[in-house]
N, C-alpha and C. Protein backbone atom coordinates (compact mmCIF):
# COMPACT_ATOMS: atom_id res chain seq x y z
N MET A 1 17.81 -1.20 -0.26
CA MET A 1 17.78 -0.21 0.82
C MET A 1 18.27 -0.86 2.11
N ILE A 2 19.23 -0.25 2.75
CA ILE A 2 19.72 -0.76 4.03
C ILE A 2 18.85 -0.17 5.14
N ILE A 3 18.20 -1.04 5.89
CA ILE A 3 17.29 -0.58 6.94
C ILE A 3 18.04 -0.50 8.26
N ARG A 4 18.25 0.72 8.72
CA ARG A 4 18.93 0.93 10.01
C ARG A 4 17.91 1.13 11.14
N LYS A 5 16.76 1.64 10.75
CA LYS A 5 15.72 1.91 11.74
C LYS A 5 14.36 1.67 11.10
N ALA A 6 13.50 0.95 11.80
CA ALA A 6 12.13 0.74 11.33
C ALA A 6 11.26 0.59 12.57
N GLU A 7 10.49 1.64 12.86
CA GLU A 7 9.65 1.58 14.05
C GLU A 7 8.36 2.37 13.84
N ILE A 8 7.37 2.02 14.63
CA ILE A 8 6.10 2.75 14.51
C ILE A 8 6.31 4.14 15.10
N GLU A 9 5.96 5.16 14.32
CA GLU A 9 6.09 6.54 14.77
C GLU A 9 4.82 6.97 15.48
N CYS A 10 3.68 6.71 14.85
CA CYS A 10 2.42 7.06 15.48
C CYS A 10 1.26 6.35 14.81
N VAL A 11 0.17 6.28 15.55
CA VAL A 11 -1.07 5.68 15.08
C VAL A 11 -2.08 6.82 15.10
N ALA A 12 -2.68 7.10 13.95
CA ALA A 12 -3.52 8.29 13.85
C ALA A 12 -4.92 7.97 13.34
N ALA A 13 -5.90 8.62 13.97
CA ALA A 13 -7.28 8.56 13.46
C ALA A 13 -7.69 9.95 13.00
N LEU A 14 -6.96 10.96 13.47
CA LEU A 14 -7.27 12.35 13.13
C LEU A 14 -6.05 13.02 12.53
N LYS A 15 -6.30 14.03 11.70
CA LYS A 15 -5.22 14.77 11.05
C LYS A 15 -4.25 15.36 12.08
N SER A 16 -4.79 15.81 13.20
CA SER A 16 -3.97 16.43 14.24
C SER A 16 -2.96 15.45 14.85
N GLN A 17 -3.18 14.15 14.61
CA GLN A 17 -2.27 13.14 15.17
C GLN A 17 -1.17 12.73 14.19
N TYR A 18 -1.21 13.23 12.95
CA TYR A 18 -0.18 12.88 11.97
C TYR A 18 1.17 13.43 12.43
N PRO A 19 2.27 12.75 12.10
CA PRO A 19 3.58 13.28 12.46
C PRO A 19 3.89 14.56 11.68
N ASP A 20 4.70 15.43 12.28
CA ASP A 20 5.00 16.71 11.62
C ASP A 20 6.48 16.87 11.30
N LYS A 21 7.15 15.75 11.04
CA LYS A 21 8.59 15.81 10.77
C LYS A 21 8.90 16.21 9.33
N GLY A 22 7.91 16.18 8.47
CA GLY A 22 8.13 16.60 7.09
C GLY A 22 8.79 15.55 6.20
N TYR A 23 8.97 14.32 6.69
CA TYR A 23 9.56 13.27 5.86
C TYR A 23 8.61 12.93 4.70
N PRO A 24 9.16 12.54 3.55
CA PRO A 24 8.30 12.08 2.47
C PRO A 24 7.56 10.81 2.90
N GLU A 25 6.34 10.64 2.37
CA GLU A 25 5.51 9.51 2.78
C GLU A 25 5.08 8.66 1.59
N ILE A 26 5.09 7.36 1.82
CA ILE A 26 4.62 6.38 0.84
C ILE A 26 3.43 5.67 1.48
N ALA A 27 2.25 5.77 0.87
CA ALA A 27 1.05 5.18 1.45
C ALA A 27 0.70 3.86 0.77
N PHE A 28 0.21 2.92 1.56
CA PHE A 28 -0.20 1.61 1.07
C PHE A 28 -1.70 1.48 1.20
N ALA A 29 -2.36 1.33 0.05
CA ALA A 29 -3.82 1.22 0.01
C ALA A 29 -4.22 -0.11 -0.61
N GLY A 30 -5.37 -0.62 -0.22
CA GLY A 30 -5.84 -1.87 -0.79
C GLY A 30 -6.96 -2.42 0.07
N ARG A 31 -7.63 -3.42 -0.47
CA ARG A 31 -8.75 -3.96 0.30
C ARG A 31 -8.23 -4.74 1.51
N SER A 32 -9.13 -5.00 2.42
CA SER A 32 -8.78 -5.74 3.64
C SER A 32 -8.17 -7.09 3.27
N ASN A 33 -7.11 -7.44 3.97
CA ASN A 33 -6.46 -8.75 3.83
C ASN A 33 -5.69 -8.96 2.52
N VAL A 34 -5.37 -7.88 1.82
CA VAL A 34 -4.63 -8.03 0.55
C VAL A 34 -3.13 -8.19 0.78
N GLY A 35 -2.69 -7.83 2.00
CA GLY A 35 -1.28 -8.03 2.32
C GLY A 35 -0.47 -6.77 2.52
N LYS A 36 -1.13 -5.66 2.91
CA LYS A 36 -0.40 -4.40 3.12
C LYS A 36 0.62 -4.51 4.23
N SER A 37 0.18 -5.05 5.38
CA SER A 37 1.10 -5.17 6.53
C SER A 37 2.24 -6.14 6.21
N SER A 38 1.92 -7.24 5.54
CA SER A 38 2.97 -8.22 5.16
C SER A 38 3.99 -7.58 4.21
N LEU A 39 3.50 -6.76 3.29
CA LEU A 39 4.40 -6.10 2.35
C LEU A 39 5.33 -5.12 3.08
N ILE A 40 4.77 -4.36 4.00
CA ILE A 40 5.60 -3.42 4.78
C ILE A 40 6.65 -4.19 5.58
N ASN A 41 6.24 -5.26 6.23
CA ASN A 41 7.21 -6.08 6.99
C ASN A 41 8.32 -6.62 6.09
N ALA A 42 7.94 -7.09 4.90
CA ALA A 42 8.94 -7.63 3.96
C ALA A 42 9.91 -6.54 3.50
N LEU A 43 9.39 -5.34 3.25
CA LEU A 43 10.25 -4.24 2.79
C LEU A 43 11.31 -3.89 3.82
N VAL A 44 10.94 -3.94 5.10
CA VAL A 44 11.88 -3.50 6.14
C VAL A 44 12.54 -4.66 6.89
N ASN A 45 12.39 -5.88 6.35
CA ASN A 45 13.02 -7.07 6.94
C ASN A 45 12.63 -7.29 8.40
N ARG A 46 11.37 -7.07 8.71
CA ARG A 46 10.88 -7.33 10.07
C ARG A 46 9.72 -8.31 9.96
N LYS A 47 9.59 -9.13 10.99
CA LYS A 47 8.50 -10.11 10.99
C LYS A 47 7.18 -9.46 11.41
N ALA A 48 7.25 -8.55 12.38
CA ALA A 48 6.00 -8.06 12.95
C ALA A 48 6.00 -6.57 13.26
N LEU A 49 6.64 -5.78 12.41
CA LEU A 49 6.56 -4.32 12.62
C LEU A 49 5.11 -3.89 12.42
N ALA A 50 4.56 -4.25 11.25
CA ALA A 50 3.14 -4.01 10.99
C ALA A 50 2.40 -5.28 11.37
N ARG A 51 1.34 -5.12 12.17
CA ARG A 51 0.62 -6.31 12.63
C ARG A 51 -0.21 -6.91 11.49
N THR A 52 -0.07 -8.22 11.33
CA THR A 52 -0.83 -8.91 10.29
C THR A 52 -1.88 -9.78 10.98
N SER A 53 -2.91 -10.08 10.22
CA SER A 53 -3.98 -10.92 10.76
C SER A 53 -4.67 -11.64 9.62
N SER A 54 -5.14 -12.84 9.89
CA SER A 54 -5.90 -13.56 8.87
C SER A 54 -7.33 -13.02 8.81
N LYS A 55 -7.68 -12.25 9.84
CA LYS A 55 -9.03 -11.67 9.90
C LYS A 55 -9.00 -10.29 9.25
N PRO A 56 -9.83 -10.05 8.23
CA PRO A 56 -9.84 -8.74 7.56
C PRO A 56 -10.17 -7.61 8.53
N GLY A 57 -9.65 -6.44 8.21
CA GLY A 57 -10.00 -5.26 8.97
C GLY A 57 -9.17 -5.04 10.22
N LYS A 58 -7.97 -5.63 10.28
CA LYS A 58 -7.11 -5.50 11.46
C LYS A 58 -6.65 -4.04 11.63
N THR A 59 -6.25 -3.41 10.53
CA THR A 59 -5.77 -2.02 10.59
C THR A 59 -6.96 -1.07 10.56
N ARG A 60 -7.18 -0.37 11.66
CA ARG A 60 -8.34 0.52 11.74
C ARG A 60 -7.93 1.98 11.91
N THR A 61 -6.63 2.21 11.86
CA THR A 61 -6.10 3.57 11.98
C THR A 61 -5.08 3.75 10.86
N ILE A 62 -4.57 4.97 10.73
CA ILE A 62 -3.48 5.22 9.78
C ILE A 62 -2.19 5.08 10.57
N ASN A 63 -1.37 4.10 10.20
CA ASN A 63 -0.15 3.80 10.95
C ASN A 63 1.07 4.31 10.19
N PHE A 64 1.86 5.16 10.86
CA PHE A 64 3.06 5.73 10.26
C PHE A 64 4.29 5.00 10.78
N TYR A 65 5.08 4.43 9.87
CA TYR A 65 6.31 3.72 10.24
C TYR A 65 7.52 4.55 9.80
N ASN A 66 8.36 4.86 10.78
CA ASN A 66 9.56 5.66 10.53
C ASN A 66 10.68 4.74 10.03
N ILE A 67 11.15 5.02 8.82
CA ILE A 67 12.22 4.22 8.24
C ILE A 67 13.48 5.08 8.12
N ASN A 68 14.49 4.73 8.90
CA ASN A 68 15.82 5.39 8.86
C ASN A 68 15.76 6.90 9.10
N ASP A 69 14.74 7.40 9.77
CA ASP A 69 14.57 8.85 9.95
C ASP A 69 14.67 9.57 8.60
N ALA A 70 14.15 8.90 7.55
CA ALA A 70 14.24 9.47 6.20
C ALA A 70 12.89 9.50 5.49
N LEU A 71 12.01 8.56 5.85
CA LEU A 71 10.68 8.53 5.22
C LEU A 71 9.72 7.78 6.11
N PHE A 72 8.43 7.95 5.80
CA PHE A 72 7.38 7.19 6.49
C PHE A 72 6.71 6.26 5.50
N LEU A 73 6.56 4.99 5.90
CA LEU A 73 5.67 4.08 5.19
C LEU A 73 4.35 4.16 5.94
N VAL A 74 3.27 4.40 5.21
CA VAL A 74 1.98 4.67 5.83
C VAL A 74 0.98 3.58 5.47
N ASP A 75 0.55 2.85 6.49
CA ASP A 75 -0.39 1.74 6.32
C ASP A 75 -1.81 2.27 6.52
N LEU A 76 -2.60 2.25 5.46
CA LEU A 76 -3.97 2.75 5.54
C LEU A 76 -4.93 1.60 5.86
N PRO A 77 -6.06 1.89 6.50
CA PRO A 77 -7.04 0.82 6.74
C PRO A 77 -7.51 0.22 5.41
N GLY A 78 -7.74 -1.07 5.41
CA GLY A 78 -8.22 -1.73 4.20
C GLY A 78 -9.66 -1.37 3.90
N TYR A 79 -10.01 -1.39 2.63
CA TYR A 79 -11.40 -1.16 2.26
C TYR A 79 -11.97 -2.48 1.77
N GLY A 80 -13.31 -2.52 1.62
CA GLY A 80 -13.90 -3.74 1.06
C GLY A 80 -14.64 -4.56 2.07
N TYR A 81 -14.30 -5.84 2.16
CA TYR A 81 -15.20 -6.75 2.84
C TYR A 81 -14.98 -6.93 4.34
N ALA A 82 -14.23 -6.08 4.97
CA ALA A 82 -14.03 -6.23 6.42
C ALA A 82 -15.39 -6.21 7.12
N GLN A 83 -15.56 -7.12 8.06
CA GLN A 83 -16.87 -7.23 8.72
C GLN A 83 -17.02 -6.18 9.81
N VAL A 84 -17.30 -4.97 9.36
CA VAL A 84 -17.54 -3.88 10.30
C VAL A 84 -18.84 -3.18 9.87
N SER A 85 -19.36 -2.37 10.76
CA SER A 85 -20.63 -1.70 10.48
C SER A 85 -20.47 -0.68 9.35
N LYS A 86 -21.60 -0.33 8.75
CA LYS A 86 -21.60 0.68 7.68
C LYS A 86 -21.04 2.00 8.21
N GLU A 87 -21.40 2.29 9.45
CA GLU A 87 -20.95 3.54 10.08
C GLU A 87 -19.42 3.57 10.17
N GLU A 88 -18.85 2.43 10.61
CA GLU A 88 -17.39 2.31 10.74
C GLU A 88 -16.72 2.42 9.37
N LYS A 89 -17.29 1.77 8.36
CA LYS A 89 -16.74 1.84 7.00
C LYS A 89 -16.72 3.27 6.49
N LYS A 90 -17.80 3.99 6.80
CA LYS A 90 -17.91 5.40 6.37
C LYS A 90 -16.80 6.22 7.02
N LYS A 91 -16.56 5.94 8.30
CA LYS A 91 -15.53 6.64 9.06
C LYS A 91 -14.15 6.37 8.46
N TRP A 92 -13.88 5.08 8.14
CA TRP A 92 -12.60 4.72 7.52
C TRP A 92 -12.44 5.43 6.18
N GLY A 93 -13.51 5.42 5.38
CA GLY A 93 -13.48 6.05 4.05
C GLY A 93 -13.09 7.52 4.17
N ALA A 94 -13.73 8.21 5.12
CA ALA A 94 -13.44 9.63 5.33
C ALA A 94 -11.99 9.82 5.80
N MET A 95 -11.53 8.91 6.67
CA MET A 95 -10.16 8.99 7.19
C MET A 95 -9.15 8.81 6.05
N ILE A 96 -9.36 7.79 5.21
CA ILE A 96 -8.44 7.51 4.10
C ILE A 96 -8.45 8.67 3.10
N GLU A 97 -9.66 9.11 2.76
CA GLU A 97 -9.79 10.20 1.78
C GLU A 97 -9.14 11.49 2.30
N GLY A 98 -9.37 11.76 3.58
CA GLY A 98 -8.78 12.95 4.19
C GLY A 98 -7.26 12.92 4.12
N TYR A 99 -6.70 11.76 4.41
CA TYR A 99 -5.24 11.63 4.36
C TYR A 99 -4.74 11.78 2.92
N LEU A 100 -5.31 11.03 1.99
CA LEU A 100 -4.82 11.04 0.61
C LEU A 100 -5.00 12.40 -0.05
N ASN A 101 -6.07 13.09 0.31
CA ASN A 101 -6.36 14.39 -0.30
C ASN A 101 -5.50 15.51 0.25
N GLY A 102 -5.27 15.47 1.57
CA GLY A 102 -4.71 16.64 2.21
C GLY A 102 -3.26 16.56 2.65
N ARG A 103 -2.58 15.48 2.34
CA ARG A 103 -1.23 15.29 2.90
C ARG A 103 -0.16 15.74 1.91
N GLU A 104 0.48 16.84 2.22
CA GLU A 104 1.52 17.38 1.33
C GLU A 104 2.74 16.47 1.24
N GLU A 105 3.04 15.75 2.32
CA GLU A 105 4.24 14.89 2.34
C GLU A 105 4.09 13.64 1.49
N LEU A 106 2.87 13.34 1.06
CA LEU A 106 2.60 12.11 0.30
C LEU A 106 3.26 12.18 -1.08
N ARG A 107 4.16 11.22 -1.35
CA ARG A 107 4.87 11.19 -2.63
C ARG A 107 4.32 10.15 -3.59
N LEU A 108 3.80 9.05 -3.02
CA LEU A 108 3.41 7.92 -3.85
C LEU A 108 2.39 7.07 -3.10
N VAL A 109 1.40 6.56 -3.86
CA VAL A 109 0.46 5.61 -3.28
C VAL A 109 0.71 4.26 -3.94
N ILE A 110 0.90 3.25 -3.12
CA ILE A 110 1.07 1.89 -3.63
C ILE A 110 -0.27 1.18 -3.43
N LEU A 111 -0.91 0.86 -4.55
CA LEU A 111 -2.22 0.20 -4.51
C LEU A 111 -2.01 -1.30 -4.65
N LEU A 112 -2.42 -2.04 -3.63
CA LEU A 112 -2.22 -3.49 -3.64
C LEU A 112 -3.47 -4.21 -4.15
N VAL A 113 -3.25 -5.18 -5.02
CA VAL A 113 -4.33 -6.06 -5.46
C VAL A 113 -3.82 -7.49 -5.33
N ASP A 114 -4.72 -8.43 -5.18
CA ASP A 114 -4.36 -9.85 -5.05
C ASP A 114 -4.22 -10.44 -6.45
N ILE A 115 -3.03 -10.94 -6.79
CA ILE A 115 -2.74 -11.47 -8.13
C ILE A 115 -3.71 -12.59 -8.51
N ARG A 116 -4.26 -13.28 -7.51
CA ARG A 116 -5.08 -14.46 -7.80
C ARG A 116 -6.49 -14.12 -8.27
N HIS A 117 -6.89 -12.86 -8.06
CA HIS A 117 -8.27 -12.47 -8.39
C HIS A 117 -8.29 -11.23 -9.27
N GLU A 118 -9.35 -11.11 -10.03
CA GLU A 118 -9.53 -9.87 -10.79
C GLU A 118 -9.77 -8.75 -9.79
N PRO A 119 -9.21 -7.56 -10.05
CA PRO A 119 -9.42 -6.43 -9.12
C PRO A 119 -10.91 -6.18 -8.88
N THR A 120 -11.22 -5.79 -7.65
CA THR A 120 -12.62 -5.55 -7.27
C THR A 120 -13.06 -4.17 -7.76
N GLN A 121 -14.36 -3.94 -7.66
CA GLN A 121 -14.90 -2.62 -8.00
C GLN A 121 -14.26 -1.55 -7.13
N ASP A 122 -14.04 -1.88 -5.85
CA ASP A 122 -13.39 -0.92 -4.94
C ASP A 122 -11.97 -0.58 -5.41
N ASP A 123 -11.23 -1.59 -5.90
CA ASP A 123 -9.88 -1.35 -6.42
C ASP A 123 -9.92 -0.38 -7.60
N LYS A 124 -10.86 -0.62 -8.50
CA LYS A 124 -10.99 0.22 -9.70
C LYS A 124 -11.35 1.65 -9.32
N LEU A 125 -12.29 1.78 -8.37
CA LEU A 125 -12.71 3.12 -7.93
C LEU A 125 -11.56 3.86 -7.26
N MET A 126 -10.79 3.14 -6.43
CA MET A 126 -9.66 3.75 -5.73
C MET A 126 -8.63 4.26 -6.73
N LEU A 127 -8.29 3.44 -7.73
CA LEU A 127 -7.30 3.83 -8.73
C LEU A 127 -7.81 5.01 -9.54
N GLU A 128 -9.07 4.96 -9.92
CA GLU A 128 -9.65 6.04 -10.73
C GLU A 128 -9.65 7.35 -9.94
N TRP A 129 -9.99 7.27 -8.67
CA TRP A 129 -10.00 8.45 -7.82
C TRP A 129 -8.60 9.04 -7.70
N MET A 130 -7.59 8.16 -7.55
CA MET A 130 -6.21 8.65 -7.43
C MET A 130 -5.74 9.29 -8.73
N ARG A 131 -6.15 8.72 -9.84
CA ARG A 131 -5.80 9.34 -11.14
C ARG A 131 -6.40 10.74 -11.22
N GLN A 132 -7.65 10.86 -10.81
CA GLN A 132 -8.32 12.16 -10.91
C GLN A 132 -7.72 13.21 -9.98
N THR A 133 -7.18 12.76 -8.85
CA THR A 133 -6.57 13.72 -7.92
C THR A 133 -5.09 13.95 -8.25
N GLY A 134 -4.61 13.27 -9.30
CA GLY A 134 -3.23 13.49 -9.74
C GLY A 134 -2.18 12.81 -8.88
N LYS A 135 -2.59 11.85 -8.06
CA LYS A 135 -1.61 11.15 -7.22
C LYS A 135 -0.78 10.18 -8.06
N LYS A 136 0.50 10.09 -7.71
CA LYS A 136 1.36 9.08 -8.34
C LYS A 136 1.01 7.74 -7.72
N VAL A 137 0.85 6.74 -8.57
CA VAL A 137 0.44 5.44 -8.04
C VAL A 137 1.19 4.31 -8.74
N VAL A 138 1.54 3.30 -7.95
CA VAL A 138 2.13 2.06 -8.48
C VAL A 138 1.21 0.94 -8.01
N VAL A 139 0.85 0.03 -8.92
CA VAL A 139 0.02 -1.11 -8.54
C VAL A 139 0.93 -2.30 -8.22
N VAL A 140 0.72 -2.89 -7.07
CA VAL A 140 1.49 -4.06 -6.67
C VAL A 140 0.54 -5.24 -6.55
N ALA A 141 0.82 -6.30 -7.31
CA ALA A 141 0.03 -7.52 -7.24
C ALA A 141 0.68 -8.45 -6.23
N THR A 142 0.03 -8.64 -5.10
CA THR A 142 0.60 -9.43 -4.00
C THR A 142 0.33 -10.92 -4.17
N LYS A 143 0.98 -11.69 -3.31
CA LYS A 143 0.81 -13.16 -3.24
C LYS A 143 1.23 -13.85 -4.53
N ALA A 144 2.26 -13.30 -5.19
CA ALA A 144 2.73 -13.85 -6.47
C ALA A 144 3.27 -15.27 -6.32
N ASP A 145 3.69 -15.64 -5.11
CA ASP A 145 4.21 -16.99 -4.89
C ASP A 145 3.10 -18.05 -4.90
N LYS A 146 1.85 -17.60 -4.83
CA LYS A 146 0.72 -18.55 -4.79
C LYS A 146 0.35 -19.10 -6.17
N LEU A 147 0.90 -18.50 -7.23
CA LEU A 147 0.58 -18.94 -8.59
C LEU A 147 1.82 -19.46 -9.31
N SER A 148 1.63 -20.37 -10.24
CA SER A 148 2.74 -20.84 -11.07
C SER A 148 3.09 -19.76 -12.08
N ASN A 149 4.25 -19.89 -12.72
CA ASN A 149 4.64 -18.90 -13.74
C ASN A 149 3.63 -18.82 -14.86
N ASN A 150 3.08 -19.97 -15.27
CA ASN A 150 2.05 -19.97 -16.32
C ASN A 150 0.81 -19.20 -15.90
N GLN A 151 0.40 -19.39 -14.65
CA GLN A 151 -0.77 -18.68 -14.14
C GLN A 151 -0.51 -17.18 -14.05
N LEU A 152 0.72 -16.82 -13.64
CA LEU A 152 1.09 -15.40 -13.56
C LEU A 152 1.01 -14.74 -14.93
N VAL A 153 1.53 -15.44 -15.93
CA VAL A 153 1.52 -14.92 -17.30
C VAL A 153 0.08 -14.64 -17.76
N LYS A 154 -0.84 -15.48 -17.32
CA LYS A 154 -2.26 -15.29 -17.69
C LYS A 154 -2.92 -14.18 -16.87
N GLN A 155 -2.54 -14.07 -15.59
CA GLN A 155 -3.20 -13.11 -14.69
C GLN A 155 -2.79 -11.66 -14.93
N VAL A 156 -1.53 -11.43 -15.29
CA VAL A 156 -1.04 -10.05 -15.44
C VAL A 156 -1.89 -9.25 -16.44
N PRO A 157 -2.15 -9.79 -17.65
CA PRO A 157 -2.99 -9.04 -18.59
C PRO A 157 -4.41 -8.80 -18.07
N VAL A 158 -4.94 -9.76 -17.29
CA VAL A 158 -6.29 -9.61 -16.71
C VAL A 158 -6.32 -8.40 -15.78
N ILE A 159 -5.30 -8.28 -14.93
CA ILE A 159 -5.23 -7.17 -13.99
C ILE A 159 -5.02 -5.85 -14.72
N LYS A 160 -4.10 -5.84 -15.68
CA LYS A 160 -3.83 -4.61 -16.43
C LYS A 160 -5.09 -4.12 -17.15
N LYS A 161 -5.80 -5.07 -17.76
CA LYS A 161 -7.01 -4.70 -18.51
C LYS A 161 -8.12 -4.24 -17.57
N SER A 162 -8.30 -4.97 -16.49
CA SER A 162 -9.35 -4.65 -15.52
C SER A 162 -9.16 -3.25 -14.93
N LEU A 163 -7.91 -2.89 -14.63
CA LEU A 163 -7.61 -1.58 -14.04
C LEU A 163 -7.36 -0.50 -15.10
N LYS A 164 -7.39 -0.92 -16.37
CA LYS A 164 -7.11 0.01 -17.49
C LYS A 164 -5.77 0.72 -17.29
N LEU A 165 -4.75 -0.06 -16.96
CA LEU A 165 -3.43 0.53 -16.71
C LEU A 165 -2.84 1.07 -18.01
N THR A 166 -2.26 2.26 -17.92
CA THR A 166 -1.61 2.86 -19.09
C THR A 166 -0.16 2.37 -19.15
N GLU A 167 0.52 2.72 -20.22
CA GLU A 167 1.93 2.35 -20.38
C GLU A 167 2.78 2.91 -19.23
N GLU A 168 2.42 4.10 -18.76
CA GLU A 168 3.22 4.77 -17.71
C GLU A 168 2.97 4.17 -16.32
N GLU A 169 1.83 3.51 -16.14
CA GLU A 169 1.49 3.00 -14.82
C GLU A 169 2.13 1.63 -14.59
N ARG A 170 2.88 1.54 -13.50
CA ARG A 170 3.65 0.32 -13.23
C ARG A 170 2.81 -0.73 -12.52
N LEU A 171 3.08 -1.99 -12.87
CA LEU A 171 2.51 -3.13 -12.15
C LEU A 171 3.68 -4.00 -11.71
N ILE A 172 3.80 -4.20 -10.41
CA ILE A 172 4.90 -4.99 -9.86
C ILE A 172 4.32 -6.25 -9.21
N LEU A 173 4.89 -7.39 -9.54
CA LEU A 173 4.50 -8.64 -8.88
C LEU A 173 5.30 -8.76 -7.60
N PHE A 174 4.60 -9.07 -6.50
CA PHE A 174 5.26 -9.07 -5.20
C PHE A 174 4.90 -10.32 -4.41
N SER A 175 5.88 -10.82 -3.66
CA SER A 175 5.62 -11.90 -2.73
C SER A 175 6.36 -11.61 -1.43
N SER A 176 5.61 -11.56 -0.33
CA SER A 176 6.27 -11.34 0.96
C SER A 176 7.01 -12.61 1.40
N GLU A 177 6.66 -13.74 0.81
CA GLU A 177 7.34 -15.01 1.12
C GLU A 177 8.71 -15.09 0.45
N THR A 178 8.73 -14.87 -0.87
CA THR A 178 9.98 -15.04 -1.63
C THR A 178 10.74 -13.72 -1.80
N LYS A 179 10.10 -12.61 -1.42
CA LYS A 179 10.65 -11.24 -1.56
C LYS A 179 10.73 -10.80 -3.04
N ARG A 180 10.03 -11.49 -3.91
CA ARG A 180 9.98 -11.07 -5.31
C ARG A 180 9.40 -9.66 -5.38
N GLY A 181 10.03 -8.79 -6.17
CA GLY A 181 9.54 -7.43 -6.36
C GLY A 181 10.01 -6.43 -5.33
N LYS A 182 10.68 -6.93 -4.27
CA LYS A 182 11.09 -6.05 -3.17
C LYS A 182 12.08 -4.97 -3.62
N GLU A 183 13.14 -5.38 -4.32
CA GLU A 183 14.15 -4.40 -4.76
C GLU A 183 13.57 -3.40 -5.74
N GLU A 184 12.75 -3.91 -6.65
CA GLU A 184 12.11 -3.04 -7.65
C GLU A 184 11.26 -1.96 -6.96
N LEU A 185 10.54 -2.38 -5.94
CA LEU A 185 9.69 -1.44 -5.20
C LEU A 185 10.52 -0.42 -4.44
N TRP A 186 11.61 -0.88 -3.81
CA TRP A 186 12.48 0.06 -3.10
C TRP A 186 13.10 1.08 -4.06
N ASP A 187 13.47 0.63 -5.25
CA ASP A 187 14.04 1.56 -6.24
C ASP A 187 13.06 2.69 -6.56
N ILE A 188 11.79 2.33 -6.71
CA ILE A 188 10.76 3.34 -7.00
C ILE A 188 10.57 4.27 -5.80
N ILE A 189 10.50 3.68 -4.60
CA ILE A 189 10.31 4.48 -3.38
C ILE A 189 11.47 5.47 -3.20
N LYS A 190 12.69 4.97 -3.37
CA LYS A 190 13.86 5.87 -3.19
C LYS A 190 13.85 7.00 -4.21
N THR A 191 13.46 6.69 -5.43
CA THR A 191 13.39 7.72 -6.47
C THR A 191 12.35 8.78 -6.09
N GLU A 192 11.16 8.33 -5.69
CA GLU A 192 10.08 9.27 -5.35
C GLU A 192 10.41 10.11 -4.12
N CYS A 193 11.20 9.56 -3.21
CA CYS A 193 11.53 10.27 -1.96
C CYS A 193 12.89 10.97 -2.02
N ASP A 194 13.52 10.92 -3.19
CA ASP A 194 14.86 11.53 -3.36
C ASP A 194 15.86 11.01 -2.32
N ILE A 195 15.87 9.70 -2.13
CA ILE A 195 16.80 9.10 -1.16
C ILE A 195 17.98 8.51 -1.92
N VAL A 196 19.17 8.96 -1.51
CA VAL A 196 20.39 8.42 -2.13
C VAL A 196 21.12 7.65 -1.05
N GLU A 197 21.47 6.40 -1.37
CA GLU A 197 22.19 5.59 -0.36
C GLU A 197 23.68 5.65 -0.62
């Protein structure tokens, strides 16, 4: 994908703040610190379009990134171990659920998991919930550069089994460092958004 434009369109905490341009949307979900912002930056060849942090819970709003005036990449707040209050977590949960449930423009959810660890209970619940709501989902295992090829060969079946992935459900290995999986992911995104280059 040739990136001619990549900029933040809006930061939303409420449905009324979502953009109304009607572009197809690709949402990125995953636990805090799994690499959602890094993945978005890698996809659009920018260092800091999406803000990254070593501290979990950096993204606290739904961030819409305008790509080529053709689609939005949507960064959702991370779930899981971010050190925030129960009240705040509840608010994020409602915000994420509201977006995923009610957004007509949503074409695909990319669920990120860390290749180095077995998926968490939250990851399993998120995937199961998306299956039940009929959302199209692709699982991306991030930080693939952190493991050797032998370790990757061992980890892939662990992740597939843990998430009970079916034959139809894709698992892509991704590294924001080496850009492994980037083209494969763009091919899926372009197909889902009906983008022809």
